[in-house]
Amino acid sequence: MNVPGLQVYIVILAEKFVPKGVDIASALNIAAFNAGIALGSYLGGLVITHMRIIDTTWVGMIMVLIAVALTAWSKKLETKQEEF
């Protein structure tokens, strides 16, 4: 999912579950993207400093797997909320 798609998804979820918090949800989403960029840059710098450049490949893969797991968890939570 790309940035605009995820932003729309967050706004839809906020409208659905916390209608008064759409602005806050949108702002937190942007903040999370910026934090992710900072964390990725920091971890990449650590890998390059203490390991080899080629090691950024598997560290990046681990980060992608974590992102996929978090996305699946989010979808699972959304499905649970719809059941209630």
C-alpha atoms as a PDB file:
ATOM      1  CA  MET A   1       0.000   0.000   0.000  1.00  0.00           C
ATOM      2  CA  ASN A   2       1.311   3.448  -0.830  1.00  0.00           C
ATOM      3  CA  VAL A   3       1.225   6.593   1.302  1.00  0.00           C
ATOM      4  CA  PRO A   4      -1.988   8.146  -0.120  1.00  0.00           C
ATOM      5  CA  GLY A   5      -3.746   4.777   0.019  1.00  0.00           C
ATOM      6  CA  LEU A   6      -2.782   4.265   3.643  1.00  0.00           C
ATOM      7  CA  GLN A   7      -3.825   7.824   4.503  1.00  0.00           C
ATOM      8  CA  VAL A   8      -7.273   7.199   3.024  1.00  0.00           C
ATOM      9  CA  TYR A   9      -7.488   3.877   4.904  1.00  0.00           C
ATOM     10  CA  ILE A  10      -6.650   5.595   8.213  1.00  0.00           C
ATOM     11  CA  VAL A  11      -9.247   8.319   7.612  1.00  0.00           C
ATOM     12  CA  ILE A  12     -11.908   5.714   6.733  1.00  0.00           C
ATOM     13  CA  LEU A  13     -11.127   3.763   9.914  1.00  0.00           C
ATOM     14  CA  ALA A  14     -11.228   6.931  11.992  1.00  0.00           C
ATOM     15  CA  GLU A  15     -14.571   7.976  10.486  1.00  0.00           C
ATOM     16  CA  LYS A  16     -15.915   4.528  11.234  1.00  0.00           C
ATOM     17  CA  PHE A  17     -14.678   4.032  14.800  1.00  0.00           C
ATOM     18  CA  VAL A  18     -13.880   7.530  16.154  1.00  0.00           C
ATOM     19  CA  PRO A  19     -15.660  10.148  14.025  1.00  0.00           C
ATOM     20  CA  LYS A  20     -14.473  13.057  16.174  1.00  0.00           C
ATOM     21  CA  GLY A  21     -10.848  11.961  15.875  1.00  0.00           C
ATOM     22  CA  VAL A  22     -10.345  12.017  12.110  1.00  0.00           C
ATOM     23  CA  ASP A  23      -7.999  15.021  12.226  1.00  0.00           C
ATOM     24  CA  ILE A  24      -5.926  13.496  15.015  1.00  0.00           C
ATOM     25  CA  ALA A  25      -5.769  10.122  13.255  1.00  0.00           C
ATOM     26  CA  SER A  26      -4.596  11.801  10.061  1.00  0.00           C
ATOM     27  CA  ALA A  27      -1.946  13.813  11.911  1.00  0.00           C
ATOM     28  CA  LEU A  28      -0.713  10.753  13.811  1.00  0.00           C
ATOM     29  CA  ASN A  29      -0.493   8.836  10.550  1.00  0.00           C
ATOM     30  CA  ILE A  30       1.777  11.489   9.029  1.00  0.00           C
ATOM     31  CA  ALA A  31       3.830  11.570  12.241  1.00  0.00           C
ATOM     32  CA  ALA A  32       4.186   7.785  12.091  1.00  0.00           C
ATOM     33  CA  PHE A  33       5.468   8.010   8.510  1.00  0.00           C
ATOM     34  CA  ASN A  34       8.061  10.569   9.575  1.00  0.00           C
ATOM     35  CA  ALA A  35       9.060   8.417  12.559  1.00  0.00           C
ATOM     36  CA  GLY A  36       9.379   5.431  10.229  1.00  0.00           C
ATOM     37  CA  ILE A  37      11.653   7.374   7.905  1.00  0.00           C
ATOM     38  CA  ALA A  38      13.792   8.462  10.856  1.00  0.00           C
ATOM     39  CA  LEU A  39      13.952   4.933  12.291  1.00  0.00           C
ATOM     40  CA  GLY A  40      14.798   3.416   8.916  1.00  0.00           C
ATOM     41  CA  SER A  41      17.535   5.970   8.343  1.00  0.00           C
ATOM     42  CA  TYR A  42      18.953   5.393  11.806  1.00  0.00           C
ATOM     43  CA  LEU A  43      18.932   1.597  11.462  1.00  0.00           C
ATOM     44  CA  GLY A  44      20.429   1.840   7.984  1.00  0.00           C
ATOM     45  CA  GLY A  45      23.196   4.022   9.367  1.00  0.00           C
ATOM     46  CA  LEU A  46      23.866   1.527  12.151  1.00  0.00           C
ATOM     47  CA  VAL A  47      24.037  -1.342   9.687  1.00  0.00           C
ATOM     48  CA  ILE A  48      26.437   0.510   7.395  1.00  0.00           C
ATOM     49  CA  THR A  49      28.587   1.635  10.335  1.00  0.00           C
ATOM     50  CA  HIS A  50      28.836  -1.706  12.118  1.00  0.00           C
ATOM     51  CA  MET A  51      28.298  -4.202   9.312  1.00  0.00           C
ATOM     52  CA  ARG A  52      28.628  -4.316   5.547  1.00  0.00           C
ATOM     53  CA  ILE A  53      26.502  -2.413   3.044  1.00  0.00           C
ATOM     54  CA  ILE A  54      25.168  -5.708   1.671  1.00  0.00           C
ATOM     55  CA  ASP A  55      23.640  -6.391   5.108  1.00  0.00           C
ATOM     56  CA  THR A  56      21.158  -3.575   4.536  1.00  0.00           C
ATOM     57  CA  THR A  57      19.327  -6.024   2.257  1.00  0.00           C
ATOM     58  CA  TRP A  58      18.350  -8.506   4.947  1.00  0.00           C
ATOM     59  CA  VAL A  59      17.776  -5.791   7.561  1.00  0.00           C
ATOM     60  CA  GLY A  60      15.406  -4.123   5.094  1.00  0.00           C
ATOM     61  CA  MET A  61      13.701  -7.455   4.499  1.00  0.00           C
ATOM     62  CA  ILE A  62      13.131  -7.858   8.242  1.00  0.00           C
ATOM     63  CA  MET A  63      11.625  -4.366   8.376  1.00  0.00           C
ATOM     64  CA  VAL A  64       9.292  -5.207   5.470  1.00  0.00           C
ATOM     65  CA  LEU A  65       8.200  -8.424   7.210  1.00  0.00           C
ATOM     66  CA  ILE A  66       7.441  -6.453  10.375  1.00  0.00           C
ATOM     67  CA  ALA A  67       5.387  -3.983   8.315  1.00  0.00           C
ATOM     68  CA  VAL A  68       3.448  -6.824   6.675  1.00  0.00           C
ATOM     69  CA  ALA A  69       2.775  -8.388  10.087  1.00  0.00           C
ATOM     70  CA  LEU A  70       1.532  -5.062  11.469  1.00  0.00           C
ATOM     71  CA  THR A  71      -0.710  -4.595   8.428  1.00  0.00           C
ATOM     72  CA  ALA A  72      -2.184  -8.076   8.871  1.00  0.00           C
ATOM     73  CA  TRP A  73      -2.710  -7.402  12.576  1.00  0.00           C
ATOM     74  CA  SER A  74      -4.477  -4.119  11.764  1.00  0.00           C
ATOM     75  CA  LYS A  75      -6.771  -5.884   9.306  1.00  0.00           C
ATOM     76  CA  LYS A  76      -7.512  -8.581  11.896  1.00  0.00           C
ATOM     77  CA  LEU A  77      -8.402  -5.951  14.507  1.00  0.00           C
ATOM     78  CA  GLU A  78     -10.640  -4.178  11.995  1.00  0.00           C
ATOM     79  CA  THR A  79     -12.442  -7.453  11.236  1.00  0.00           C
ATOM     80  CA  LYS A  80     -12.947  -8.127  14.957  1.00  0.00           C
ATOM     81  CA  GLN A  81     -14.426  -4.644  15.438  1.00  0.00           C
ATOM     82  CA  GLU A  82     -16.877  -5.204  12.583  1.00  0.00           C
ATOM     83  CA  GLU A  83     -18.162  -8.379  14.274  1.00  0.00           C
ATOM     84  CA  PHE A  84     -19.309  -6.436  17.350  1.00  0.00           C
END
